[in-house]
Amino acid sequence: MKLALSLLLVTLALCCSDANAEVCPALIKEVISFLLDTKAGFNNKIQKFDAPQDAKQAKLQMKECVDNLSIKDRLTVAHFVAILNFECNKQLS
């Protein structure tokens, strides 16, 4: 659960910073995929980003840790990310 809390805090910082614009839809899709997709499905989604292969491998290793969380915890975090996205984007309107 500590990993989930860390992910929430990072997402909150990215989504609700005063210096940002609307949250990038690709970021939200990637975070939700990170939480809920299979490792293979997540790997397919991150291949479109122009990141070094080492960074992608590190993210896939983190995905293995997230996959050890219960589905209930992962759904709770995903729901919270969706709420953050909605609330942060609403503030910009």
N, C-alpha and C. Protein backbone atom coordinates (compact mmCIF):
# COMPACT_ATOMS: atom_id res chain seq x y z
N MET A 1 0.82 -1.19 0.00
CA MET A 1 0.00 0.00 0.00
C MET A 1 0.87 1.26 0.00
N LYS A 2 2.12 1.16 0.49
CA LYS A 2 3.01 2.32 0.50
C LYS A 2 3.31 2.79 -0.92
N LEU A 3 3.45 1.84 -1.84
CA LEU A 3 3.68 2.19 -3.24
C LEU A 3 2.48 2.94 -3.80
N ALA A 4 1.29 2.50 -3.45
CA ALA A 4 0.08 3.16 -3.93
C ALA A 4 0.01 4.59 -3.41
N LEU A 5 0.36 4.79 -2.15
CA LEU A 5 0.34 6.14 -1.58
C LEU A 5 1.36 7.03 -2.29
N SER A 6 2.54 6.49 -2.56
CA SER A 6 3.56 7.26 -3.27
C SER A 6 3.07 7.67 -4.65
N LEU A 7 2.43 6.73 -5.35
CA LEU A 7 1.90 7.02 -6.68
C LEU A 7 0.83 8.11 -6.61
N LEU A 8 -0.01 8.05 -5.60
CA LEU A 8 -1.05 9.07 -5.44
C LEU A 8 -0.43 10.45 -5.22
N LEU A 9 0.59 10.52 -4.38
CA LEU A 9 1.21 11.82 -4.10
C LEU A 9 1.89 12.40 -5.33
N VAL A 10 2.55 11.57 -6.11
CA VAL A 10 3.19 12.05 -7.34
C VAL A 10 2.13 12.52 -8.33
N THR A 11 1.06 11.76 -8.47
CA THR A 11 -0.02 12.13 -9.39
C THR A 11 -0.66 13.44 -8.94
N LEU A 12 -0.87 13.58 -7.66
CA LEU A 12 -1.45 14.83 -7.13
C LEU A 12 -0.54 16.01 -7.44
N ALA A 13 0.75 15.83 -7.25
CA ALA A 13 1.70 16.91 -7.53
C ALA A 13 1.69 17.28 -9.01
N LEU A 14 1.63 16.28 -9.90
CA LEU A 14 1.62 16.55 -11.33
C LEU A 14 0.32 17.19 -11.79
N CYS A 15 -0.78 16.71 -11.24
CA CYS A 15 -2.09 17.15 -11.72
C CYS A 15 -2.50 18.51 -11.18
N CYS A 16 -2.13 18.83 -10.00
CA CYS A 16 -2.69 20.02 -9.36
C CYS A 16 -1.67 21.10 -9.08
N SER A 17 -0.59 21.09 -9.80
CA SER A 17 0.39 22.14 -9.68
C SER A 17 -0.17 23.43 -10.27
N ASP A 18 0.16 24.56 -9.65
CA ASP A 18 -0.31 25.85 -10.17
C ASP A 18 0.31 26.17 -11.53
N ALA A 19 1.43 25.55 -11.84
CA ALA A 19 2.15 25.88 -13.07
C ALA A 19 1.72 25.05 -14.26
N ASN A 20 0.78 24.13 -14.09
CA ASN A 20 0.45 23.26 -15.21
C ASN A 20 -0.78 23.73 -15.95
N ALA A 21 -0.98 23.15 -17.07
CA ALA A 21 -2.20 23.36 -17.84
C ALA A 21 -3.07 22.11 -17.65
N GLU A 22 -3.97 21.87 -18.56
CA GLU A 22 -4.82 20.69 -18.46
C GLU A 22 -3.97 19.43 -18.43
N VAL A 23 -4.38 18.49 -17.60
CA VAL A 23 -3.63 17.24 -17.47
C VAL A 23 -3.66 16.51 -18.81
N CYS A 24 -2.49 16.09 -19.22
CA CYS A 24 -2.34 15.39 -20.49
C CYS A 24 -3.13 14.08 -20.45
N PRO A 25 -4.04 13.87 -21.39
CA PRO A 25 -4.81 12.62 -21.41
C PRO A 25 -3.92 11.38 -21.52
N ALA A 26 -2.79 11.50 -22.21
CA ALA A 26 -1.88 10.36 -22.34
C ALA A 26 -1.30 9.97 -20.98
N LEU A 27 -1.05 10.96 -20.11
CA LEU A 27 -0.53 10.67 -18.78
C LEU A 27 -1.56 9.90 -17.97
N ILE A 28 -2.80 10.33 -18.00
CA ILE A 28 -3.85 9.65 -17.24
C ILE A 28 -4.03 8.23 -17.76
N LYS A 29 -4.03 8.05 -19.07
CA LYS A 29 -4.17 6.71 -19.64
C LYS A 29 -3.00 5.82 -19.22
N GLU A 30 -1.80 6.39 -19.20
CA GLU A 30 -0.62 5.61 -18.82
C GLU A 30 -0.68 5.22 -17.34
N VAL A 31 -1.12 6.12 -16.48
CA VAL A 31 -1.23 5.81 -15.04
C VAL A 31 -2.29 4.74 -14.80
N ILE A 32 -3.44 4.87 -15.46
CA ILE A 32 -4.49 3.87 -15.30
C ILE A 32 -4.01 2.52 -15.84
N SER A 33 -3.33 2.54 -16.96
CA SER A 33 -2.78 1.31 -17.52
C SER A 33 -1.75 0.69 -16.57
N PHE A 34 -0.93 1.53 -15.96
CA PHE A 34 0.06 1.08 -14.99
C PHE A 34 -0.61 0.35 -13.83
N LEU A 35 -1.76 0.84 -13.43
CA LEU A 35 -2.47 0.24 -12.30
C LEU A 35 -3.25 -1.01 -12.67
N LEU A 36 -3.90 -1.01 -13.83
CA LEU A 36 -4.90 -2.03 -14.11
C LEU A 36 -4.56 -3.01 -15.23
N ASP A 37 -3.75 -2.63 -16.18
CA ASP A 37 -3.44 -3.52 -17.31
C ASP A 37 -2.48 -4.63 -16.90
N THR A 38 -2.40 -5.62 -17.77
CA THR A 38 -1.38 -6.66 -17.59
C THR A 38 -0.02 -6.05 -17.92
N LYS A 39 1.03 -6.76 -17.55
CA LYS A 39 2.37 -6.28 -17.84
C LYS A 39 2.58 -6.13 -19.35
N ALA A 40 2.08 -7.10 -20.12
CA ALA A 40 2.22 -7.05 -21.58
C ALA A 40 1.44 -5.88 -22.18
N GLY A 41 0.24 -5.67 -21.70
CA GLY A 41 -0.57 -4.55 -22.19
C GLY A 41 0.06 -3.21 -21.86
N PHE A 42 0.58 -3.09 -20.64
CA PHE A 42 1.25 -1.85 -20.23
C PHE A 42 2.50 -1.63 -21.06
N ASN A 43 3.25 -2.70 -21.31
CA ASN A 43 4.46 -2.59 -22.13
C ASN A 43 4.13 -2.04 -23.51
N ASN A 44 3.05 -2.51 -24.11
CA ASN A 44 2.64 -2.00 -25.42
C ASN A 44 2.33 -0.51 -25.37
N LYS A 45 1.72 -0.05 -24.29
CA LYS A 45 1.37 1.37 -24.19
C LYS A 45 2.58 2.27 -24.00
N ILE A 46 3.57 1.80 -23.24
CA ILE A 46 4.73 2.68 -22.99
C ILE A 46 5.73 2.68 -24.15
N GLN A 47 5.60 1.76 -25.09
CA GLN A 47 6.53 1.73 -26.22
C GLN A 47 6.39 2.96 -27.12
N LYS A 48 5.22 3.63 -27.07
CA LYS A 48 5.03 4.81 -27.92
C LYS A 48 5.78 6.03 -27.41
N PHE A 49 6.21 5.99 -26.14
CA PHE A 49 6.96 7.12 -25.59
C PHE A 49 8.43 7.00 -25.98
N ASP A 50 9.04 8.14 -26.23
CA ASP A 50 10.44 8.17 -26.65
C ASP A 50 11.35 8.22 -25.42
N ALA A 51 11.31 7.15 -24.64
CA ALA A 51 12.13 7.06 -23.44
C ALA A 51 13.22 6.02 -23.66
N PRO A 52 14.32 6.15 -22.93
CA PRO A 52 15.37 5.14 -23.05
C PRO A 52 14.83 3.76 -22.63
N GLN A 53 15.38 2.72 -23.24
CA GLN A 53 14.92 1.36 -22.94
C GLN A 53 15.12 1.01 -21.47
N ASP A 54 16.19 1.53 -20.85
CA ASP A 54 16.42 1.27 -19.43
C ASP A 54 15.29 1.84 -18.57
N ALA A 55 14.79 3.01 -18.94
CA ALA A 55 13.69 3.62 -18.20
C ALA A 55 12.42 2.79 -18.34
N LYS A 56 12.19 2.29 -19.53
CA LYS A 56 11.01 1.45 -19.76
C LYS A 56 11.11 0.16 -18.96
N GLN A 57 12.30 -0.44 -18.91
CA GLN A 57 12.50 -1.67 -18.15
C GLN A 57 12.29 -1.41 -16.66
N ALA A 58 12.76 -0.27 -16.17
CA ALA A 58 12.57 0.07 -14.76
C ALA A 58 11.07 0.23 -14.45
N LYS A 59 10.35 0.83 -15.36
CA LYS A 59 8.90 0.99 -15.17
C LYS A 59 8.20 -0.36 -15.15
N LEU A 60 8.63 -1.27 -16.00
CA LEU A 60 8.05 -2.61 -16.01
C LEU A 60 8.36 -3.37 -14.72
N GLN A 61 9.53 -3.13 -14.14
CA GLN A 61 9.84 -3.74 -12.85
C GLN A 61 8.94 -3.18 -11.75
N MET A 62 8.68 -1.88 -11.81
CA MET A 62 7.74 -1.27 -10.85
C MET A 62 6.34 -1.84 -11.04
N LYS A 63 5.97 -2.09 -12.29
CA LYS A 63 4.66 -2.65 -12.60
C LYS A 63 4.48 -4.00 -11.91
N GLU A 64 5.54 -4.79 -11.84
CA GLU A 64 5.47 -6.07 -11.15
C GLU A 64 5.10 -5.88 -9.67
N CYS A 65 5.65 -4.83 -9.05
CA CYS A 65 5.31 -4.53 -7.65
C CYS A 65 3.84 -4.12 -7.52
N VAL A 66 3.39 -3.27 -8.43
CA VAL A 66 2.00 -2.82 -8.40
C VAL A 66 1.06 -4.00 -8.60
N ASP A 67 1.44 -4.94 -9.45
CA ASP A 67 0.60 -6.11 -9.69
C ASP A 67 0.43 -6.98 -8.45
N ASN A 68 1.31 -6.80 -7.46
CA ASN A 68 1.18 -7.55 -6.21
C ASN A 68 0.14 -6.94 -5.28
N LEU A 69 -0.30 -5.71 -5.57
CA LEU A 69 -1.37 -5.10 -4.78
C LEU A 69 -2.68 -5.81 -5.11
N SER A 70 -3.59 -5.79 -4.18
CA SER A 70 -4.90 -6.38 -4.46
C SER A 70 -5.61 -5.56 -5.52
N ILE A 71 -6.50 -6.19 -6.24
CA ILE A 71 -7.26 -5.47 -7.28
C ILE A 71 -8.11 -4.37 -6.65
N LYS A 72 -8.58 -4.59 -5.45
CA LYS A 72 -9.37 -3.56 -4.75
C LYS A 72 -8.52 -2.30 -4.52
N ASP A 73 -7.29 -2.49 -4.06
CA ASP A 73 -6.41 -1.34 -3.84
C ASP A 73 -6.08 -0.63 -5.15
N ARG A 74 -5.83 -1.40 -6.21
CA ARG A 74 -5.51 -0.79 -7.49
C ARG A 74 -6.71 -0.03 -8.06
N LEU A 75 -7.90 -0.57 -7.89
CA LEU A 75 -9.11 0.13 -8.35
C LEU A 75 -9.34 1.40 -7.54
N THR A 76 -9.06 1.35 -6.25
CA THR A 76 -9.21 2.53 -5.40
C THR A 76 -8.27 3.64 -5.86
N VAL A 77 -7.02 3.29 -6.13
CA VAL A 77 -6.05 4.28 -6.60
C VAL A 77 -6.47 4.82 -7.97
N ALA A 78 -6.91 3.95 -8.87
CA ALA A 78 -7.33 4.38 -10.20
C ALA A 78 -8.53 5.34 -10.10
N HIS A 79 -9.46 5.03 -9.21
CA HIS A 79 -10.62 5.91 -9.01
C HIS A 79 -10.17 7.28 -8.50
N PHE A 80 -9.22 7.28 -7.58
CA PHE A 80 -8.71 8.54 -7.04
C PHE A 80 -8.00 9.35 -8.12
N VAL A 81 -7.24 8.68 -8.98
CA VAL A 81 -6.56 9.37 -10.09
C VAL A 81 -7.60 10.01 -11.02
N ALA A 82 -8.68 9.30 -11.29
CA ALA A 82 -9.74 9.85 -12.15
C ALA A 82 -10.37 11.06 -11.50
N ILE A 83 -10.59 11.02 -10.20
CA ILE A 83 -11.16 12.17 -9.48
C ILE A 83 -10.20 13.35 -9.52
N LEU A 84 -8.90 13.09 -9.30
CA LEU A 84 -7.91 14.16 -9.38
C LEU A 84 -7.89 14.80 -10.75
N ASN A 85 -7.92 13.99 -11.77
CA ASN A 85 -7.94 14.50 -13.14
C ASN A 85 -9.14 15.41 -13.35
N PHE A 86 -10.31 14.96 -12.94
CA PHE A 86 -11.53 15.75 -13.10
C PHE A 86 -11.44 17.06 -12.33
N GLU A 87 -11.05 16.98 -11.06
CA GLU A 87 -10.99 18.18 -10.21
C GLU A 87 -9.94 19.17 -10.69
N CYS A 88 -8.77 18.70 -11.07
CA CYS A 88 -7.71 19.60 -11.52
C CYS A 88 -8.09 20.27 -12.83
N ASN A 89 -8.69 19.53 -13.75
CA ASN A 89 -9.10 20.12 -15.02
C ASN A 89 -10.27 21.05 -14.83
N LYS A 90 -11.14 20.78 -13.87
CA LYS A 90 -12.28 21.65 -13.59
C LYS A 90 -11.82 23.02 -13.10
N GLN A 91 -10.73 23.04 -12.34
CA GLN A 91 -10.20 24.30 -11.81
C GLN A 91 -9.72 25.21 -12.93
N LEU A 92 -9.33 24.63 -14.04
CA LEU A 92 -8.82 25.43 -15.16
C LEU A 92 -9.94 26.07 -15.96
N SER A 93 -11.14 25.54 -15.83
CA SER A 93 -12.27 26.06 -16.63
C SER A 93 -12.78 27.37 -16.11
